[in-house]
């Protein structure tokens, strides 16, 4: 199974970063790979994400959601 991890230092508060991270509607404005991202945040839910370069929609499951700490999803 492939895993992707990334990190970046952003010069703002955790609250501001988190607000943008969970704002699924605006993902296409800052992430050119994601054309659409929809779903609810509780763990165990399935979200829908349209990946632009692949022209395909995926349905990953939200594995972990801890406010201001992590959001982990898994899909194929």
PDB file of N, CA and C in Angstrom:
ATOM      1  N   UNK A   1       0.835  -1.173   0.000  1.00  0.00           N
ATOM      2  CA  UNK A   1       0.000   0.000   0.000  1.00  0.00           C
ATOM      3  C   UNK A   1       0.888   1.247   0.000  1.00  0.00           C
ATOM      4  N   UNK A   2       0.575   2.188  -0.871  1.00  0.00           N
ATOM      5  CA  UNK A   2       1.308   3.448  -0.914  1.00  0.00           C
ATOM      6  C   UNK A   2       0.777   4.387   0.152  1.00  0.00           C
ATOM      7  N   UNK A   3       1.681   5.130   0.754  1.00  0.00           N
ATOM      8  CA  UNK A   3       1.298   6.163   1.709  1.00  0.00           C
ATOM      9  C   UNK A   3       1.962   7.457   1.294  1.00  0.00           C
ATOM     10  N   UNK A   4       1.243   8.544   1.479  1.00  0.00           N
ATOM     11  CA  UNK A   4       1.776   9.859   1.184  1.00  0.00           C
ATOM     12  C   UNK A   4       1.732  10.695   2.448  1.00  0.00           C
ATOM     13  N   UNK A   5       2.839  11.310   2.757  1.00  0.00           N
ATOM     14  CA  UNK A   5       2.941  12.179   3.922  1.00  0.00           C
ATOM     15  C   UNK A   5       3.549  13.496   3.463  1.00  0.00           C
ATOM     16  N   UNK A   6       3.116  14.548   4.076  1.00  0.00           N
ATOM     17  CA  UNK A   6       3.684  15.839   3.734  1.00  0.00           C
ATOM     18  C   UNK A   6       3.667  16.733   4.966  1.00  0.00           C
ATOM     19  N   UNK A   7       4.529  17.717   4.971  1.00  0.00           N
ATOM     20  CA  UNK A   7       4.512  18.704   6.045  1.00  0.00           C
ATOM     21  C   UNK A   7       5.015  20.024   5.482  1.00  0.00           C
ATOM     22  N   UNK A   8       4.594  21.091   6.129  1.00  0.00           N
ATOM     23  CA  UNK A   8       4.999  22.429   5.714  1.00  0.00           C
ATOM     24  C   UNK A   8       4.851  23.359   6.914  1.00  0.00           C
ATOM     25  N   UNK A   9       5.712  24.341   7.000  1.00  0.00           N
ATOM     26  CA  UNK A   9       5.581  25.350   8.055  1.00  0.00           C
ATOM     27  C   UNK A   9       4.777  26.517   7.491  1.00  0.00           C
ATOM     28  N   UNK A  10       3.696  26.873   8.161  1.00  0.00           N
ATOM     29  CA  UNK A  10       2.840  27.980   7.745  1.00  0.00           C
ATOM     30  C   UNK A  10       2.829  29.006   8.875  1.00  0.00           C
ATOM     31  N   UNK A  11       3.136  30.224   8.535  1.00  0.00           N
ATOM     32  CA  UNK A  11       3.280  31.274   9.536  1.00  0.00           C
ATOM     33  C   UNK A  11       1.932  31.881   9.916  1.00  0.00           C
ATOM     34  N   UNK A  12       1.102  31.090  10.587  1.00  0.00           N
ATOM     35  CA  UNK A  12      -0.180  31.557  11.125  1.00  0.00           C
ATOM     36  C   UNK A  12      -0.579  30.623  12.258  1.00  0.00           C
ATOM     37  N   UNK A  13      -1.699  30.884  12.856  1.00  0.00           N
ATOM     38  CA  UNK A  13      -2.124  30.049  13.984  1.00  0.00           C
ATOM     39  C   UNK A  13      -2.652  28.698  13.509  1.00  0.00           C
ATOM     40  N   UNK A  14      -2.614  27.738  14.400  1.00  0.00           N
ATOM     41  CA  UNK A  14      -3.164  26.405  14.119  1.00  0.00           C
ATOM     42  C   UNK A  14      -4.642  26.523  13.770  1.00  0.00           C
ATOM     43  N   UNK A  15      -5.342  27.398  14.445  1.00  0.00           N
ATOM     44  CA  UNK A  15      -6.776  27.569  14.203  1.00  0.00           C
ATOM     45  C   UNK A  15      -7.049  28.020  12.774  1.00  0.00           C
ATOM     46  N   UNK A  16      -6.231  28.960  12.264  1.00  0.00           N
ATOM     47  CA  UNK A  16      -6.409  29.434  10.892  1.00  0.00           C
ATOM     48  C   UNK A  16      -6.121  28.351   9.869  1.00  0.00           C
ATOM     49  N   UNK A  17      -5.069  27.597  10.091  1.00  0.00           N
ATOM     50  CA  UNK A  17      -4.739  26.496   9.180  1.00  0.00           C
ATOM     51  C   UNK A  17      -5.853  25.462   9.204  1.00  0.00           C
ATOM     52  N   UNK A  18      -6.292  25.113  10.391  1.00  0.00           N
ATOM     53  CA  UNK A  18      -7.340  24.094  10.532  1.00  0.00           C
ATOM     54  C   UNK A  18      -8.626  24.520   9.839  1.00  0.00           C
ATOM     55  N   UNK A  19      -8.964  25.804   9.963  1.00  0.00           N
ATOM     56  CA  UNK A  19     -10.177  26.326   9.327  1.00  0.00           C
ATOM     57  C   UNK A  19     -10.132  26.108   7.812  1.00  0.00           C
ATOM     58  N   UNK A  20      -8.981  26.315   7.199  1.00  0.00           N
ATOM     59  CA  UNK A  20      -8.840  26.104   5.756  1.00  0.00           C
ATOM     60  C   UNK A  20      -8.814  24.615   5.401  1.00  0.00           C
ATOM     61  N   UNK A  21      -8.189  23.819   6.242  1.00  0.00           N
ATOM     62  CA  UNK A  21      -8.060  22.387   5.975  1.00  0.00           C
ATOM     63  C   UNK A  21      -9.413  21.679   5.963  1.00  0.00           C
ATOM     64  N   UNK A  22     -10.324  22.099   6.825  1.00  0.00           N
ATOM     65  CA  UNK A  22     -11.629  21.430   6.877  1.00  0.00           C
ATOM     66  C   UNK A  22     -12.677  22.125   6.003  1.00  0.00           C
ATOM     67  N   UNK A  23     -12.288  23.167   5.305  1.00  0.00           N
ATOM     68  CA  UNK A  23     -13.186  23.875   4.393  1.00  0.00           C
ATOM     69  C   UNK A  23     -13.134  23.185   3.025  1.00  0.00           C
ATOM     70  N   UNK A  24     -13.835  22.072   2.906  1.00  0.00           N
ATOM     71  CA  UNK A  24     -13.791  21.253   1.696  1.00  0.00           C
ATOM     72  C   UNK A  24     -14.213  22.023   0.447  1.00  0.00           C
ATOM     73  N   UNK A  25     -15.156  22.925   0.573  1.00  0.00           N
ATOM     74  CA  UNK A  25     -15.669  23.659  -0.592  1.00  0.00           C
ATOM     75  C   UNK A  25     -14.558  24.429  -1.308  1.00  0.00           C
ATOM     76  N   UNK A  26     -13.619  24.993  -0.547  1.00  0.00           N
ATOM     77  CA  UNK A  26     -12.571  25.831  -1.139  1.00  0.00           C
ATOM     78  C   UNK A  26     -11.297  25.076  -1.523  1.00  0.00           C
ATOM     79  N   UNK A  27     -11.238  23.756  -1.358  1.00  0.00           N
ATOM     80  CA  UNK A  27     -10.033  23.014  -1.730  1.00  0.00           C
ATOM     81  C   UNK A  27      -9.555  23.322  -3.151  1.00  0.00           C
ATOM     82  N   UNK A  28     -10.448  23.359  -4.148  1.00  0.00           N
ATOM     83  CA  UNK A  28      -9.971  23.622  -5.509  1.00  0.00           C
ATOM     84  C   UNK A  28      -9.304  24.986  -5.674  1.00  0.00           C
ATOM     85  N   UNK A  29      -9.550  25.918  -4.758  1.00  0.00           N
ATOM     86  CA  UNK A  29      -8.924  27.238  -4.854  1.00  0.00           C
ATOM     87  C   UNK A  29      -7.444  27.215  -4.512  1.00  0.00           C
ATOM     88  N   UNK A  30      -7.015  26.271  -3.669  1.00  0.00           N
ATOM     89  CA  UNK A  30      -5.612  26.237  -3.258  1.00  0.00           C
ATOM     90  C   UNK A  30      -4.913  24.920  -3.582  1.00  0.00           C
ATOM     91  N   UNK A  31      -5.658  23.900  -3.995  1.00  0.00           N
ATOM     92  CA  UNK A  31      -5.056  22.616  -4.342  1.00  0.00           C
ATOM     93  C   UNK A  31      -5.462  22.257  -5.769  1.00  0.00           C
ATOM     94  N   UNK A  32      -4.573  22.453  -6.744  1.00  0.00           N
ATOM     95  CA  UNK A  32      -4.929  22.240  -8.148  1.00  0.00           C
ATOM     96  C   UNK A  32      -5.227  20.784  -8.511  1.00  0.00           C
ATOM     97  N   UNK A  33      -4.860  19.850  -7.659  1.00  0.00           N
ATOM     98  CA  UNK A  33      -5.120  18.428  -7.920  1.00  0.00           C
ATOM     99  C   UNK A  33      -6.562  18.068  -7.592  1.00  0.00           C
ATOM    100  N   UNK A  34      -7.122  18.734  -6.587  1.00  0.00           N
ATOM    101  CA  UNK A  34      -8.475  18.415  -6.118  1.00  0.00           C
ATOM    102  C   UNK A  34      -9.478  19.329  -6.812  1.00  0.00           C
ATOM    103  N   UNK A  35     -10.362  18.737  -7.625  1.00  0.00           N
ATOM    104  CA  UNK A  35     -11.386  19.506  -8.307  1.00  0.00           C
ATOM    105  C   UNK A  35     -12.637  19.667  -7.477  1.00  0.00           C
ATOM    106  N   UNK A  36     -12.839  18.745  -6.540  1.00  0.00           N
ATOM    107  CA  UNK A  36     -14.022  18.794  -5.678  1.00  0.00           C
ATOM    108  C   UNK A  36     -13.768  17.887  -4.481  1.00  0.00           C
ATOM    109  N   UNK A  37     -14.196  18.326  -3.313  1.00  0.00           N
ATOM    110  CA  UNK A  37     -14.067  17.538  -2.090  1.00  0.00           C
ATOM    111  C   UNK A  37     -15.336  17.750  -1.274  1.00  0.00           C
ATOM    112  N   UNK A  38     -16.019  16.646  -0.958  1.00  0.00           N
ATOM    113  CA  UNK A  38     -17.285  16.725  -0.243  1.00  0.00           C
ATOM    114  C   UNK A  38     -17.355  15.628   0.807  1.00  0.00           C
ATOM    115  N   UNK A  39     -18.112  15.879   1.852  1.00  0.00           N
ATOM    116  CA  UNK A  39     -18.348  14.872   2.873  1.00  0.00           C
ATOM    117  C   UNK A  39     -18.415  15.480   4.258  1.00  0.00           C
ATOM    118  N   UNK A  40     -18.746  14.646   5.213  1.00  0.00           N
ATOM    119  CA  UNK A  40     -18.839  15.043   6.616  1.00  0.00           C
ATOM    120  C   UNK A  40     -17.613  14.541   7.359  1.00  0.00           C
ATOM    121  N   UNK A  41     -17.214  15.231   8.415  1.00  0.00           N
ATOM    122  CA  UNK A  41     -15.949  14.963   9.084  1.00  0.00           C
ATOM    123  C   UNK A  41     -15.920  13.887  10.165  1.00  0.00           C
ATOM    124  N   UNK A  42     -16.987  13.394  10.718  1.00  0.00           N
ATOM    125  CA  UNK A  42     -16.820  12.378  11.762  1.00  0.00           C
ATOM    126  C   UNK A  42     -16.064  11.137  11.246  1.00  0.00           C
ATOM    127  N   UNK A  43     -15.244  10.564  12.122  1.00  0.00           N
ATOM    128  CA  UNK A  43     -14.493   9.351  11.769  1.00  0.00           C
ATOM    129  C   UNK A  43     -15.439   8.280  11.264  1.00  0.00           C
ATOM    130  N   UNK A  44     -14.973   7.530  10.286  1.00  0.00           N
ATOM    131  CA  UNK A  44     -15.752   6.445   9.713  1.00  0.00           C
ATOM    132  C   UNK A  44     -16.560   6.851   8.499  1.00  0.00           C
ATOM    133  N   UNK A  45     -16.749   8.138   8.287  1.00  0.00           N
ATOM    134  CA  UNK A  45     -17.504   8.606   7.132  1.00  0.00           C
ATOM    135  C   UNK A  45     -16.686   8.487   5.857  1.00  0.00           C
ATOM    136  N   UNK A  46     -17.386   8.356   4.757  1.00  0.00           N
ATOM    137  CA  UNK A  46     -16.756   8.355   3.445  1.00  0.00           C
ATOM    138  C   UNK A  46     -16.881   9.750   2.865  1.00  0.00           C
ATOM    139  N   UNK A  47     -15.789  10.229   2.288  1.00  0.00           N
ATOM    140  CA  UNK A  47     -15.823  11.516   1.604  1.00  0.00           C
ATOM    141  C   UNK A  47     -15.653  11.260   0.112  1.00  0.00           C
ATOM    142  N   UNK A  48     -15.966  12.244  -0.685  1.00  0.00           N
ATOM    143  CA  UNK A  48     -15.859  12.138  -2.136  1.00  0.00           C
ATOM    144  C   UNK A  48     -14.858  13.174  -2.607  1.00  0.00           C
ATOM    145  N   UNK A  49     -13.871  12.742  -3.374  1.00  0.00           N
ATOM    146  CA  UNK A  49     -12.880  13.672  -3.890  1.00  0.00           C
ATOM    147  C   UNK A  49     -12.635  13.417  -5.374  1.00  0.00           C
ATOM    148  N   UNK A  50     -12.768  14.470  -6.166  1.00  0.00           N
ATOM    149  CA  UNK A  50     -12.500  14.388  -7.596  1.00  0.00           C
ATOM    150  C   UNK A  50     -11.063  14.830  -7.825  1.00  0.00           C
ATOM    151  N   UNK A  51     -10.248  13.932  -8.385  1.00  0.00           N
ATOM    152  CA  UNK A  51      -8.834  14.214  -8.646  1.00  0.00           C
ATOM    153  C   UNK A  51      -8.684  14.638 -10.109  1.00  0.00           C
ATOM    154  N   UNK A  52      -8.309  15.893 -10.317  1.00  0.00           N
ATOM    155  CA  UNK A  52      -8.286  16.503 -11.646  1.00  0.00           C
ATOM    156  C   UNK A  52      -7.372  15.759 -12.629  1.00  0.00           C
ATOM    157  N   UNK A  53      -6.086  15.522 -12.291  1.00  0.00           N
ATOM    158  CA  UNK A  53      -5.217  14.898 -13.301  1.00  0.00           C
ATOM    159  C   UNK A  53      -5.685  13.501 -13.740  1.00  0.00           C
ATOM    160  N   UNK A  54      -6.389  12.801 -12.867  1.00  0.00           N
ATOM    161  CA  UNK A  54      -6.855  11.453 -13.189  1.00  0.00           C
ATOM    162  C   UNK A  54      -8.270  11.451 -13.757  1.00  0.00           C
ATOM    163  N   UNK A  55      -8.949  12.602 -13.663  1.00  0.00           N
ATOM    164  CA  UNK A  55     -10.333  12.722 -14.109  1.00  0.00           C
ATOM    165  C   UNK A  55     -11.202  11.626 -13.506  1.00  0.00           C
ATOM    166  N   UNK A  56     -11.041  11.452 -12.192  1.00  0.00           N
ATOM    167  CA  UNK A  56     -11.715  10.356 -11.505  1.00  0.00           C
ATOM    168  C   UNK A  56     -12.124  10.777 -10.091  1.00  0.00           C
ATOM    169  N   UNK A  57     -13.254  10.247  -9.635  1.00  0.00           N
ATOM    170  CA  UNK A  57     -13.722  10.491  -8.270  1.00  0.00           C
ATOM    171  C   UNK A  57     -13.373   9.301  -7.390  1.00  0.00           C
ATOM    172  N   UNK A  58     -12.852   9.577  -6.210  1.00  0.00           N
ATOM    173  CA  UNK A  58     -12.500   8.550  -5.226  1.00  0.00           C
ATOM    174  C   UNK A  58     -13.345   8.749  -3.974  1.00  0.00           C
ATOM    175  N   UNK A  59     -13.486   7.693  -3.214  1.00  0.00           N
ATOM    176  CA  UNK A  59     -14.312   7.721  -2.011  1.00  0.00           C
ATOM    177  C   UNK A  59     -13.539   7.182  -0.811  1.00  0.00           C
ATOM    178  N   UNK A  60     -12.577   7.964  -0.304  1.00  0.00           N
ATOM    179  CA  UNK A  60     -11.809   7.514   0.859  1.00  0.00           C
ATOM    180  C   UNK A  60     -12.642   7.582   2.146  1.00  0.00           C
ATOM    181  N   UNK A  61     -12.216   6.809   3.129  1.00  0.00           N
ATOM    182  CA  UNK A  61     -12.856   6.778   4.445  1.00  0.00           C
ATOM    183  C   UNK A  61     -12.028   7.600   5.419  1.00  0.00           C
ATOM    184  N   UNK A  62     -12.694   8.391   6.222  1.00  0.00           N
ATOM    185  CA  UNK A  62     -12.014   9.190   7.235  1.00  0.00           C
ATOM    186  C   UNK A  62     -11.653   8.288   8.413  1.00  0.00           C
ATOM    187  N   UNK A  63     -10.355   8.040   8.574  1.00  0.00           N
ATOM    188  CA  UNK A  63      -9.879   7.130   9.621  1.00  0.00           C
ATOM    189  C   UNK A  63      -9.731   7.809  10.974  1.00  0.00           C
ATOM    190  N   UNK A  64      -9.297   9.057  10.943  1.00  0.00           N
ATOM    191  CA  UNK A  64      -9.035   9.762  12.202  1.00  0.00           C
ATOM    192  C   UNK A  64      -9.316  11.236  12.015  1.00  0.00           C
ATOM    193  N   UNK A  65      -9.978  11.830  12.998  1.00  0.00           N
ATOM    194  CA  UNK A  65     -10.254  13.258  12.972  1.00  0.00           C
ATOM    195  C   UNK A  65     -10.119  13.796  14.386  1.00  0.00           C
ATOM    196  N   UNK A  66      -9.063  14.544  14.623  1.00  0.00           N
ATOM    197  CA  UNK A  66      -8.825  15.187  15.913  1.00  0.00           C
ATOM    198  C   UNK A  66      -8.620  16.671  15.659  1.00  0.00           C
ATOM    199  N   UNK A  67      -9.599  17.461  16.047  1.00  0.00           N
ATOM    200  CA  UNK A  67      -9.584  18.891  15.760  1.00  0.00           C
ATOM    201  C   UNK A  67      -8.260  19.540  16.145  1.00  0.00           C
ATOM    202  N   UNK A  68      -7.733  20.348  15.226  1.00  0.00           N
ATOM    203  CA  UNK A  68      -6.484  21.093  15.366  1.00  0.00           C
ATOM    204  C   UNK A  68      -5.252  20.195  15.404  1.00  0.00           C
ATOM    205  N   UNK A  69      -5.412  18.884  15.169  1.00  0.00           N
ATOM    206  CA  UNK A  69      -4.274  17.972  15.254  1.00  0.00           C
ATOM    207  C   UNK A  69      -4.075  17.151  13.989  1.00  0.00           C
ATOM    208  N   UNK A  70      -5.126  16.406  13.577  1.00  0.00           N
ATOM    209  CA  UNK A  70      -4.958  15.553  12.407  1.00  0.00           C
ATOM    210  C   UNK A  70      -6.289  15.226  11.742  1.00  0.00           C
ATOM    211  N   UNK A  71      -6.187  14.982  10.449  1.00  0.00           N
ATOM    212  CA  UNK A  71      -7.283  14.460   9.662  1.00  0.00           C
ATOM    213  C   UNK A  71      -6.660  13.427   8.740  1.00  0.00           C
ATOM    214  N   UNK A  72      -7.029  12.162   8.906  1.00  0.00           N
ATOM    215  CA  UNK A  72      -6.417  11.078   8.142  1.00  0.00           C
ATOM    216  C   UNK A  72      -7.504  10.340   7.394  1.00  0.00           C
ATOM    217  N   UNK A  73      -7.320  10.190   6.082  1.00  0.00           N
ATOM    218  CA  UNK A  73      -8.259   9.375   5.330  1.00  0.00           C
ATOM    219  C   UNK A  73      -7.516   8.336   4.519  1.00  0.00           C
ATOM    220  N   UNK A  74      -8.227   7.286   4.150  1.00  0.00           N
ATOM    221  CA  UNK A  74      -7.625   6.186   3.389  1.00  0.00           C
ATOM    222  C   UNK A  74      -8.560   5.826   2.248  1.00  0.00           C
ATOM    223  N   UNK A  75      -7.993   5.636   1.103  1.00  0.00           N
ATOM    224  CA  UNK A  75      -8.766   5.223  -0.050  1.00  0.00           C
ATOM    225  C   UNK A  75      -7.859   4.560  -1.078  1.00  0.00           C
ATOM    226  N   UNK A  76      -8.462   4.052  -2.112  1.00  0.00           N
ATOM    227  CA  UNK A  76      -7.689   3.407  -3.173  1.00  0.00           C
ATOM    228  C   UNK A  76      -8.034   4.020  -4.495  1.00  0.00           C
TER     229      UNK A  76
END
